[in-house]
All heavy atoms as atom14 arrays in JSON, in Angstrom:
{
  "sequence": "SIGCANPVALAGLEPGEDVLDLGSGGGIDVLLSARRVGPTGRA",
  "atom14_mask": [
    [1, 1, 1, 1, 1, 1, 0, 0, 0, 0, 0, 0, 0, 0],
    [1, 1, 1, 1, 1, 1, 1, 1, 0, 0, 0, 0, 0, 0],
    [1, 1, 1, 1, 0, 0, 0, 0, 0, 0, 0, 0, 0, 0],
    [1, 1, 1, 1, 1, 1, 0, 0, 0, 0, 0, 0, 0, 0],
    [1, 1, 1, 1, 1, 0, 0, 0, 0, 0, 0, 0, 0, 0],
    [1, 1, 1, 1, 1, 1, 1, 1, 0, 0, 0, 0, 0, 0],
    [1, 1, 1, 1, 1, 1, 1, 0, 0, 0, 0, 0, 0, 0],
    [1, 1, 1, 1, 1, 1, 1, 0, 0, 0, 0, 0, 0, 0],
    [1, 1, 1, 1, 1, 0, 0, 0, 0, 0, 0, 0, 0, 0],
    [1, 1, 1, 1, 1, 1, 1, 1, 0, 0, 0, 0, 0, 0],
    [1, 1, 1, 1, 1, 0, 0, 0, 0, 0, 0, 0, 0, 0],
    [1, 1, 1, 1, 0, 0, 0, 0, 0, 0, 0, 0, 0, 0],
    [1, 1, 1, 1, 1, 1, 1, 1, 0, 0, 0, 0, 0, 0],
    [1, 1, 1, 1, 1, 1, 1, 1, 1, 0, 0, 0, 0, 0],
    [1, 1, 1, 1, 1, 1, 1, 0, 0, 0, 0, 0, 0, 0],
    [1, 1, 1, 1, 0, 0, 0, 0, 0, 0, 0, 0, 0, 0],
    [1, 1, 1, 1, 1, 1, 1, 1, 1, 0, 0, 0, 0, 0],
    [1, 1, 1, 1, 1, 1, 1, 1, 0, 0, 0, 0, 0, 0],
    [1, 1, 1, 1, 1, 1, 1, 0, 0, 0, 0, 0, 0, 0],
    [1, 1, 1, 1, 1, 1, 1, 1, 0, 0, 0, 0, 0, 0],
    [1, 1, 1, 1, 1, 1, 1, 1, 0, 0, 0, 0, 0, 0],
    [1, 1, 1, 1, 1, 1, 1, 1, 0, 0, 0, 0, 0, 0],
    [1, 1, 1, 1, 0, 0, 0, 0, 0, 0, 0, 0, 0, 0],
    [1, 1, 1, 1, 1, 1, 0, 0, 0, 0, 0, 0, 0, 0],
    [1, 1, 1, 1, 0, 0, 0, 0, 0, 0, 0, 0, 0, 0],
    [1, 1, 1, 1, 0, 0, 0, 0, 0, 0, 0, 0, 0, 0],
    [1, 1, 1, 1, 0, 0, 0, 0, 0, 0, 0, 0, 0, 0],
    [1, 1, 1, 1, 1, 1, 1, 1, 0, 0, 0, 0, 0, 0],
    [1, 1, 1, 1, 1, 1, 1, 1, 0, 0, 0, 0, 0, 0],
    [1, 1, 1, 1, 1, 1, 1, 0, 0, 0, 0, 0, 0, 0],
    [1, 1, 1, 1, 1, 1, 1, 1, 0, 0, 0, 0, 0, 0],
    [1, 1, 1, 1, 1, 1, 1, 1, 0, 0, 0, 0, 0, 0],
    [1, 1, 1, 1, 1, 1, 0, 0, 0, 0, 0, 0, 0, 0],
    [1, 1, 1, 1, 1, 0, 0, 0, 0, 0, 0, 0, 0, 0],
    [1, 1, 1, 1, 1, 1, 1, 1, 1, 1, 1, 0, 0, 0],
    [1, 1, 1, 1, 1, 1, 1, 1, 1, 1, 1, 0, 0, 0],
    [1, 1, 1, 1, 1, 1, 1, 0, 0, 0, 0, 0, 0, 0],
    [1, 1, 1, 1, 0, 0, 0, 0, 0, 0, 0, 0, 0, 0],
    [1, 1, 1, 1, 1, 1, 1, 0, 0, 0, 0, 0, 0, 0],
    [1, 1, 1, 1, 1, 1, 1, 0, 0, 0, 0, 0, 0, 0],
    [1, 1, 1, 1, 0, 0, 0, 0, 0, 0, 0, 0, 0, 0],
    [1, 1, 1, 1, 1, 1, 1, 1, 1, 1, 1, 0, 0, 0],
    [1, 1, 1, 1, 1, 0, 0, 0, 0, 0, 0, 0, 0, 0]
  ],
  "atom14_positions": [
    [[-13.34, -12.13, 12.54], [-12.66, -10.98, 13.08], [-13.82, -9.88, 13.29], [-14.31, -9.37, 12.39], [-11.62, -10.36, 12.33], [-11.12, -9.22, 12.88], [0.0, 0.0, 0.0], [0.0, 0.0, 0.0], [0.0, 0.0, 0.0], [0.0, 0.0, 0.0], [0.0, 0.0, 0.0], [0.0, 0.0, 0.0], [0.0, 0.0, 0.0], [0.0, 0.0, 0.0]],
    [[-14.16, -9.56, 14.54], [-15.2, -8.63, 14.83], [-14.66, -7.69, 15.97], [-15.36, -7.14, 16.8], [-16.61, -9.18, 15.32], [-16.36, -10.34, 16.35], [-17.2, -9.74, 14.07], [-17.64, -10.96, 16.7], [0.0, 0.0, 0.0], [0.0, 0.0, 0.0], [0.0, 0.0, 0.0], [0.0, 0.0, 0.0], [0.0, 0.0, 0.0], [0.0, 0.0, 0.0]],
    [[-13.29, -7.5, 16.01], [-12.73, -6.53, 16.92], [-12.64, -5.15, 16.42], [-13.38, -4.84, 15.41], [0.0, 0.0, 0.0], [0.0, 0.0, 0.0], [0.0, 0.0, 0.0], [0.0, 0.0, 0.0], [0.0, 0.0, 0.0], [0.0, 0.0, 0.0], [0.0, 0.0, 0.0], [0.0, 0.0, 0.0], [0.0, 0.0, 0.0], [0.0, 0.0, 0.0]],
    [[-12.11, -4.24, 17.24], [-12.1, -2.77, 16.77], [-10.75, -2.26, 16.39], [-10.66, -1.08, 16.02], [-12.7, -1.95, 17.88], [-11.97, -2.19, 19.58], [0.0, 0.0, 0.0], [0.0, 0.0, 0.0], [0.0, 0.0, 0.0], [0.0, 0.0, 0.0], [0.0, 0.0, 0.0], [0.0, 0.0, 0.0], [0.0, 0.0, 0.0], [0.0, 0.0, 0.0]],
    [[-9.76, -3.07, 16.29], [-8.45, -2.59, 16.0], [-7.48, -3.85, 15.79], [-7.99, -4.97, 15.79], [-7.83, -1.57, 16.93], [0.0, 0.0, 0.0], [0.0, 0.0, 0.0], [0.0, 0.0, 0.0], [0.0, 0.0, 0.0], [0.0, 0.0, 0.0], [0.0, 0.0, 0.0], [0.0, 0.0, 0.0], [0.0, 0.0, 0.0], [0.0, 0.0, 0.0]],
    [[-6.22, -3.62, 15.68], [-5.32, -4.64, 15.56], [-4.26, -4.56, 16.81], [-3.22, -3.92, 16.79], [-4.39, -4.49, 14.25], [-3.3, -5.55, 14.06], [-3.13, -6.43, 14.99], [-2.74, -5.6, 12.91], [0.0, 0.0, 0.0], [0.0, 0.0, 0.0], [0.0, 0.0, 0.0], [0.0, 0.0, 0.0], [0.0, 0.0, 0.0], [0.0, 0.0, 0.0]],
    [[-4.66, -5.24, 17.87], [-3.86, -5.26, 19.1], [-2.44, -5.78, 18.97], [-1.56, -5.49, 19.69], [-4.64, -5.92, 20.17], [-5.47, -6.87, 19.34], [-5.81, -6.2, 18.07], [0.0, 0.0, 0.0], [0.0, 0.0, 0.0], [0.0, 0.0, 0.0], [0.0, 0.0, 0.0], [0.0, 0.0, 0.0], [0.0, 0.0, 0.0], [0.0, 0.0, 0.0]],
    [[-2.35, -6.7, 18.0], [-0.98, -7.41, 17.84], [0.07, -6.39, 17.35], [1.17, -6.38, 17.77], [-1.19, -8.5, 16.63], [0.17, -9.16, 16.5], [-2.12, -9.54, 17.16], [0.0, 0.0, 0.0], [0.0, 0.0, 0.0], [0.0, 0.0, 0.0], [0.0, 0.0, 0.0], [0.0, 0.0, 0.0], [0.0, 0.0, 0.0], [0.0, 0.0, 0.0]],
    [[-0.38, -5.48, 16.34], [0.47, -4.3, 15.91], [0.74, -3.42, 17.18], [1.88, -2.92, 17.28], [-0.12, -3.61, 14.78], [0.0, 0.0, 0.0], [0.0, 0.0, 0.0], [0.0, 0.0, 0.0], [0.0, 0.0, 0.0], [0.0, 0.0, 0.0], [0.0, 0.0, 0.0], [0.0, 0.0, 0.0], [0.0, 0.0, 0.0], [0.0, 0.0, 0.0]],
    [[-0.24, -3.13, 17.89], [0.03, -2.33, 19.12], [0.97, -2.94, 20.12], [1.66, -2.18, 20.78], [-1.5, -2.09, 19.84], [-1.49, -1.18, 21.03], [-1.32, 0.28, 20.59], [-2.83, -1.3, 21.73], [0.0, 0.0, 0.0], [0.0, 0.0, 0.0], [0.0, 0.0, 0.0], [0.0, 0.0, 0.0], [0.0, 0.0, 0.0], [0.0, 0.0, 0.0]],
    [[1.01, -4.18, 20.22], [1.82, -4.86, 21.28], [3.34, -4.79, 21.03], [4.18, -4.98, 21.9], [1.35, -6.26, 21.45], [0.0, 0.0, 0.0], [0.0, 0.0, 0.0], [0.0, 0.0, 0.0], [0.0, 0.0, 0.0], [0.0, 0.0, 0.0], [0.0, 0.0, 0.0], [0.0, 0.0, 0.0], [0.0, 0.0, 0.0], [0.0, 0.0, 0.0]],
    [[3.71, -4.79, 19.82], [5.17, -4.8, 19.52], [5.73, -6.12, 19.91], [6.81, -6.09, 20.6], [0.0, 0.0, 0.0], [0.0, 0.0, 0.0], [0.0, 0.0, 0.0], [0.0, 0.0, 0.0], [0.0, 0.0, 0.0], [0.0, 0.0, 0.0], [0.0, 0.0, 0.0], [0.0, 0.0, 0.0], [0.0, 0.0, 0.0], [0.0, 0.0, 0.0]],
    [[5.2, -7.26, 19.49], [5.69, -8.51, 19.97], [7.04, -8.86, 19.53], [7.46, -8.48, 18.38], [4.76, -9.59, 19.58], [3.37, -9.53, 20.09], [2.43, -10.63, 19.49], [3.26, -9.5, 21.66], [0.0, 0.0, 0.0], [0.0, 0.0, 0.0], [0.0, 0.0, 0.0], [0.0, 0.0, 0.0], [0.0, 0.0, 0.0], [0.0, 0.0, 0.0]],
    [[7.8, -9.48, 20.34], [9.29, -9.91, 19.96], [9.28, -11.48, 19.91], [8.63, -12.17, 20.7], [10.13, -9.36, 20.95], [10.19, -7.86, 20.99], [10.86, -7.19, 19.85], [11.6, -7.89, 19.11], [10.64, -6.02, 19.59], [0.0, 0.0, 0.0], [0.0, 0.0, 0.0], [0.0, 0.0, 0.0], [0.0, 0.0, 0.0], [0.0, 0.0, 0.0]],
    [[10.25, -12.0, 19.23], [10.48, -13.46, 19.18], [10.8, -13.91, 20.57], [11.53, -13.23, 21.39], [11.65, -13.62, 18.21], [11.57, -12.46, 17.23], [11.1, -11.31, 18.11], [0.0, 0.0, 0.0], [0.0, 0.0, 0.0], [0.0, 0.0, 0.0], [0.0, 0.0, 0.0], [0.0, 0.0, 0.0], [0.0, 0.0, 0.0], [0.0, 0.0, 0.0]],
    [[10.18, -15.09, 20.92], [10.41, -15.61, 22.19], [9.49, -15.33, 23.27], [9.54, -15.8, 24.4], [0.0, 0.0, 0.0], [0.0, 0.0, 0.0], [0.0, 0.0, 0.0], [0.0, 0.0, 0.0], [0.0, 0.0, 0.0], [0.0, 0.0, 0.0], [0.0, 0.0, 0.0], [0.0, 0.0, 0.0], [0.0, 0.0, 0.0], [0.0, 0.0, 0.0]],
    [[8.62, -14.29, 23.07], [7.68, -13.83, 24.1], [6.44, -14.84, 24.07], [6.14, -15.49, 23.22], [7.23, -12.46, 23.81], [8.35, -11.43, 24.1], [7.87, -9.98, 23.97], [6.96, -9.71, 23.12], [8.27, -9.15, 24.86], [0.0, 0.0, 0.0], [0.0, 0.0, 0.0], [0.0, 0.0, 0.0], [0.0, 0.0, 0.0], [0.0, 0.0, 0.0]],
    [[5.84, -14.8, 25.29], [4.53, -15.51, 25.5], [3.48, -14.45, 25.64], [3.59, -13.55, 26.37], [4.65, -16.37, 26.82], [5.73, -17.33, 26.78], [5.85, -18.1, 25.66], [6.45, -17.61, 27.7], [0.0, 0.0, 0.0], [0.0, 0.0, 0.0], [0.0, 0.0, 0.0], [0.0, 0.0, 0.0], [0.0, 0.0, 0.0], [0.0, 0.0, 0.0]],
    [[2.39, -14.71, 24.95], [1.33, -13.72, 24.8], [-0.12, -14.4, 25.0], [-0.24, -15.5, 24.78], [1.35, -12.98, 23.51], [1.28, -13.96, 22.35], [0.28, -11.94, 23.34], [0.0, 0.0, 0.0], [0.0, 0.0, 0.0], [0.0, 0.0, 0.0], [0.0, 0.0, 0.0], [0.0, 0.0, 0.0], [0.0, 0.0, 0.0], [0.0, 0.0, 0.0]],
    [[-0.89, -13.59, 25.72], [-2.28, -14.09, 26.03], [-3.27, -13.14, 25.36], [-3.13, -11.89, 25.57], [-2.57, -14.13, 27.46], [-4.03, -14.21, 27.95], [-4.55, -15.69, 27.54], [-4.05, -14.04, 29.41], [0.0, 0.0, 0.0], [0.0, 0.0, 0.0], [0.0, 0.0, 0.0], [0.0, 0.0, 0.0], [0.0, 0.0, 0.0], [0.0, 0.0, 0.0]],
    [[-4.25, -13.63, 24.66], [-5.31, -12.87, 24.03], [-6.63, -13.12, 24.89], [-7.14, -14.32, 25.08], [-5.61, -13.23, 22.63], [-6.7, -12.4, 21.96], [-7.12, -11.35, 22.56], [-7.09, -12.86, 20.93], [0.0, 0.0, 0.0], [0.0, 0.0, 0.0], [0.0, 0.0, 0.0], [0.0, 0.0, 0.0], [0.0, 0.0, 0.0], [0.0, 0.0, 0.0]],
    [[-7.18, -12.14, 25.65], [-8.36, -12.14, 26.41], [-9.58, -12.07, 25.44], [-9.79, -10.98, 24.79], [-8.39, -11.1, 27.47], [-7.29, -10.95, 28.56], [-7.45, -9.87, 29.26], [-7.37, -12.32, 29.21], [0.0, 0.0, 0.0], [0.0, 0.0, 0.0], [0.0, 0.0, 0.0], [0.0, 0.0, 0.0], [0.0, 0.0, 0.0], [0.0, 0.0, 0.0]],
    [[-10.39, -13.11, 25.38], [-11.54, -13.13, 24.56], [-11.15, -13.34, 23.03], [-11.34, -12.54, 22.2], [0.0, 0.0, 0.0], [0.0, 0.0, 0.0], [0.0, 0.0, 0.0], [0.0, 0.0, 0.0], [0.0, 0.0, 0.0], [0.0, 0.0, 0.0], [0.0, 0.0, 0.0], [0.0, 0.0, 0.0], [0.0, 0.0, 0.0], [0.0, 0.0, 0.0]],
    [[-10.56, -14.52, 22.81], [-9.84, -14.71, 21.49], [-10.63, -14.89, 20.41], [-10.14, -14.94, 19.24], [-8.79, -15.75, 21.72], [-9.3, -16.93, 22.38], [0.0, 0.0, 0.0], [0.0, 0.0, 0.0], [0.0, 0.0, 0.0], [0.0, 0.0, 0.0], [0.0, 0.0, 0.0], [0.0, 0.0, 0.0], [0.0, 0.0, 0.0], [0.0, 0.0, 0.0]],
    [[-11.96, -15.24, 20.51], [-12.91, -15.46, 19.37], [-12.38, -16.45, 18.46], [-12.04, -17.55, 18.79], [0.0, 0.0, 0.0], [0.0, 0.0, 0.0], [0.0, 0.0, 0.0], [0.0, 0.0, 0.0], [0.0, 0.0, 0.0], [0.0, 0.0, 0.0], [0.0, 0.0, 0.0], [0.0, 0.0, 0.0], [0.0, 0.0, 0.0], [0.0, 0.0, 0.0]],
    [[-12.47, -16.07, 17.14], [-12.11, -16.98, 16.08], [-10.51, -17.14, 15.91], [-10.05, -17.95, 15.05], [0.0, 0.0, 0.0], [0.0, 0.0, 0.0], [0.0, 0.0, 0.0], [0.0, 0.0, 0.0], [0.0, 0.0, 0.0], [0.0, 0.0, 0.0], [0.0, 0.0, 0.0], [0.0, 0.0, 0.0], [0.0, 0.0, 0.0], [0.0, 0.0, 0.0]],
    [[-9.73, -16.52, 16.66], [-8.31, -16.81, 16.79], [-7.42, -15.94, 16.0], [-6.16, -16.15, 16.02], [0.0, 0.0, 0.0], [0.0, 0.0, 0.0], [0.0, 0.0, 0.0], [0.0, 0.0, 0.0], [0.0, 0.0, 0.0], [0.0, 0.0, 0.0], [0.0, 0.0, 0.0], [0.0, 0.0, 0.0], [0.0, 0.0, 0.0], [0.0, 0.0, 0.0]],
    [[-7.87, -14.9, 15.37], [-7.08, -14.1, 14.43], [-5.91, -13.46, 15.14], [-4.74, -13.58, 14.57], [-7.9, -13.03, 13.75], [-7.04, -12.29, 12.61], [-8.59, -12.03, 14.71], [-7.86, -11.35, 11.77], [0.0, 0.0, 0.0], [0.0, 0.0, 0.0], [0.0, 0.0, 0.0], [0.0, 0.0, 0.0], [0.0, 0.0, 0.0], [0.0, 0.0, 0.0]],
    [[-6.08, -12.87, 16.34], [-4.97, -12.29, 17.03], [-4.02, -13.25, 17.67], [-2.79, -12.99, 17.7], [-5.49, -11.23, 17.99], [-6.24, -10.17, 17.31], [-5.76, -9.59, 16.41], [-7.29, -9.72, 17.92], [0.0, 0.0, 0.0], [0.0, 0.0, 0.0], [0.0, 0.0, 0.0], [0.0, 0.0, 0.0], [0.0, 0.0, 0.0], [0.0, 0.0, 0.0]],
    [[-4.54, -14.39, 18.06], [-3.61, -15.48, 18.55], [-2.75, -16.0, 17.5], [-1.51, -16.2, 17.66], [-4.39, -16.56, 19.22], [-3.52, -17.78, 19.6], [-5.18, -16.14, 20.44], [0.0, 0.0, 0.0], [0.0, 0.0, 0.0], [0.0, 0.0, 0.0], [0.0, 0.0, 0.0], [0.0, 0.0, 0.0], [0.0, 0.0, 0.0], [0.0, 0.0, 0.0]],
    [[-3.33, -16.25, 16.26], [-2.45, -16.75, 15.2], [-1.49, -15.84, 14.77], [-0.34, -16.16, 14.45], [-3.46, -17.22, 14.11], [-4.48, -18.24, 14.44], [-5.31, -18.66, 13.28], [-3.75, -19.56, 14.98], [0.0, 0.0, 0.0], [0.0, 0.0, 0.0], [0.0, 0.0, 0.0], [0.0, 0.0, 0.0], [0.0, 0.0, 0.0], [0.0, 0.0, 0.0]],
    [[-1.82, -14.5, 14.63], [-0.87, -13.6, 14.24], [0.22, -13.34, 15.37], [1.39, -13.26, 15.04], [-1.51, -12.19, 14.03], [-2.46, -12.03, 12.77], [-3.23, -10.71, 12.8], [-1.59, -12.26, 11.49], [0.0, 0.0, 0.0], [0.0, 0.0, 0.0], [0.0, 0.0, 0.0], [0.0, 0.0, 0.0], [0.0, 0.0, 0.0], [0.0, 0.0, 0.0]],
    [[-0.22, -13.44, 16.55], [0.86, -13.34, 17.74], [1.71, -14.52, 17.69], [2.99, -14.29, 17.91], [0.08, -13.29, 19.07], [-0.65, -12.15, 19.21], [0.0, 0.0, 0.0], [0.0, 0.0, 0.0], [0.0, 0.0, 0.0], [0.0, 0.0, 0.0], [0.0, 0.0, 0.0], [0.0, 0.0, 0.0], [0.0, 0.0, 0.0], [0.0, 0.0, 0.0]],
    [[1.26, -15.73, 17.4], [2.07, -16.94, 17.39], [3.16, -16.71, 16.24], [4.32, -17.13, 16.51], [1.24, -18.07, 17.05], [0.0, 0.0, 0.0], [0.0, 0.0, 0.0], [0.0, 0.0, 0.0], [0.0, 0.0, 0.0], [0.0, 0.0, 0.0], [0.0, 0.0, 0.0], [0.0, 0.0, 0.0], [0.0, 0.0, 0.0], [0.0, 0.0, 0.0]],
    [[2.83, -16.18, 15.14], [3.69, -15.97, 13.95], [4.77, -15.02, 14.47], [5.95, -15.24, 14.13], [3.05, -15.29, 12.83], [1.9, -16.25, 12.28], [2.5, -17.4, 11.36], [1.39, -17.9, 10.52], [1.5, -19.07, 9.94], [2.55, -19.84, 10.17], [0.57, -19.46, 9.16], [0.0, 0.0, 0.0], [0.0, 0.0, 0.0], [0.0, 0.0, 0.0]],
    [[4.39, -13.9, 15.27], [5.39, -12.9, 15.65], [6.31, -13.35, 16.67], [7.4, -12.98, 16.69], [4.59, -11.63, 16.17], [3.62, -10.96, 15.29], [4.27, -10.46, 14.0], [3.23, -9.79, 13.17], [2.47, -10.46, 12.29], [2.66, -11.84, 12.17], [1.61, -9.88, 11.52], [0.0, 0.0, 0.0], [0.0, 0.0, 0.0], [0.0, 0.0, 0.0]],
    [[5.94, -14.19, 17.66], [6.72, -14.66, 18.72], [7.63, -15.85, 18.31], [8.64, -16.14, 19.0], [6.05, -14.94, 19.97], [5.25, -13.76, 20.48], [5.07, -16.18, 19.83], [0.0, 0.0, 0.0], [0.0, 0.0, 0.0], [0.0, 0.0, 0.0], [0.0, 0.0, 0.0], [0.0, 0.0, 0.0], [0.0, 0.0, 0.0], [0.0, 0.0, 0.0]],
    [[7.26, -16.42, 17.27], [8.03, -17.55, 16.62], [8.02, -18.74, 17.44], [7.36, -18.94, 18.52], [0.0, 0.0, 0.0], [0.0, 0.0, 0.0], [0.0, 0.0, 0.0], [0.0, 0.0, 0.0], [0.0, 0.0, 0.0], [0.0, 0.0, 0.0], [0.0, 0.0, 0.0], [0.0, 0.0, 0.0], [0.0, 0.0, 0.0], [0.0, 0.0, 0.0]],
    [[8.92, -19.82, 17.15], [8.8, -21.1, 17.71], [9.33, -21.21, 19.15], [8.97, -22.08, 19.91], [9.69, -21.98, 16.85], [10.55, -21.03, 16.1], [9.72, -19.79, 15.96], [0.0, 0.0, 0.0], [0.0, 0.0, 0.0], [0.0, 0.0, 0.0], [0.0, 0.0, 0.0], [0.0, 0.0, 0.0], [0.0, 0.0, 0.0], [0.0, 0.0, 0.0]],
    [[9.96, -20.13, 19.63], [10.46, -20.08, 21.0], [9.5, -19.36, 21.89], [9.69, -19.34, 23.08], [11.89, -19.46, 21.16], [11.8, -18.13, 20.55], [12.92, -20.18, 20.33], [0.0, 0.0, 0.0], [0.0, 0.0, 0.0], [0.0, 0.0, 0.0], [0.0, 0.0, 0.0], [0.0, 0.0, 0.0], [0.0, 0.0, 0.0], [0.0, 0.0, 0.0]],
    [[8.44, -18.83, 21.43], [7.37, -18.21, 22.09], [6.14, -19.03, 22.05], [6.03, -20.0, 21.3], [0.0, 0.0, 0.0], [0.0, 0.0, 0.0], [0.0, 0.0, 0.0], [0.0, 0.0, 0.0], [0.0, 0.0, 0.0], [0.0, 0.0, 0.0], [0.0, 0.0, 0.0], [0.0, 0.0, 0.0], [0.0, 0.0, 0.0], [0.0, 0.0, 0.0]],
    [[5.1, -18.48, 22.65], [3.78, -19.14, 22.68], [2.71, -18.19, 22.81], [2.82, -17.19, 23.44], [3.7, -20.16, 23.8], [2.52, -21.17, 23.63], [2.75, -22.44, 24.47], [1.67, -23.36, 24.2], [1.75, -24.24, 23.15], [2.65, -24.24, 22.38], [0.64, -25.08, 23.07], [0.0, 0.0, 0.0], [0.0, 0.0, 0.0], [0.0, 0.0, 0.0]],
    [[1.56, -18.44, 22.14], [0.34, -17.65, 22.13], [-0.8, -18.37, 22.69], [-1.12, -19.45, 22.27], [0.02, -17.01, 20.74], [0.0, 0.0, 0.0], [0.0, 0.0, 0.0], [0.0, 0.0, 0.0], [0.0, 0.0, 0.0], [0.0, 0.0, 0.0], [0.0, 0.0, 0.0], [0.0, 0.0, 0.0], [0.0, 0.0, 0.0], [0.0, 0.0, 0.0]]
  ]
}
């Protein structure tokens, strides 16, 4: 993780949403997003 904040907290993700991380690096924000949107969503 070499970002400058936590955009996942900023996004207010909801279960079932689909989310895209631009410049995902080692995957920290994608993995956190996937947890937030749950099995009916996708990161």
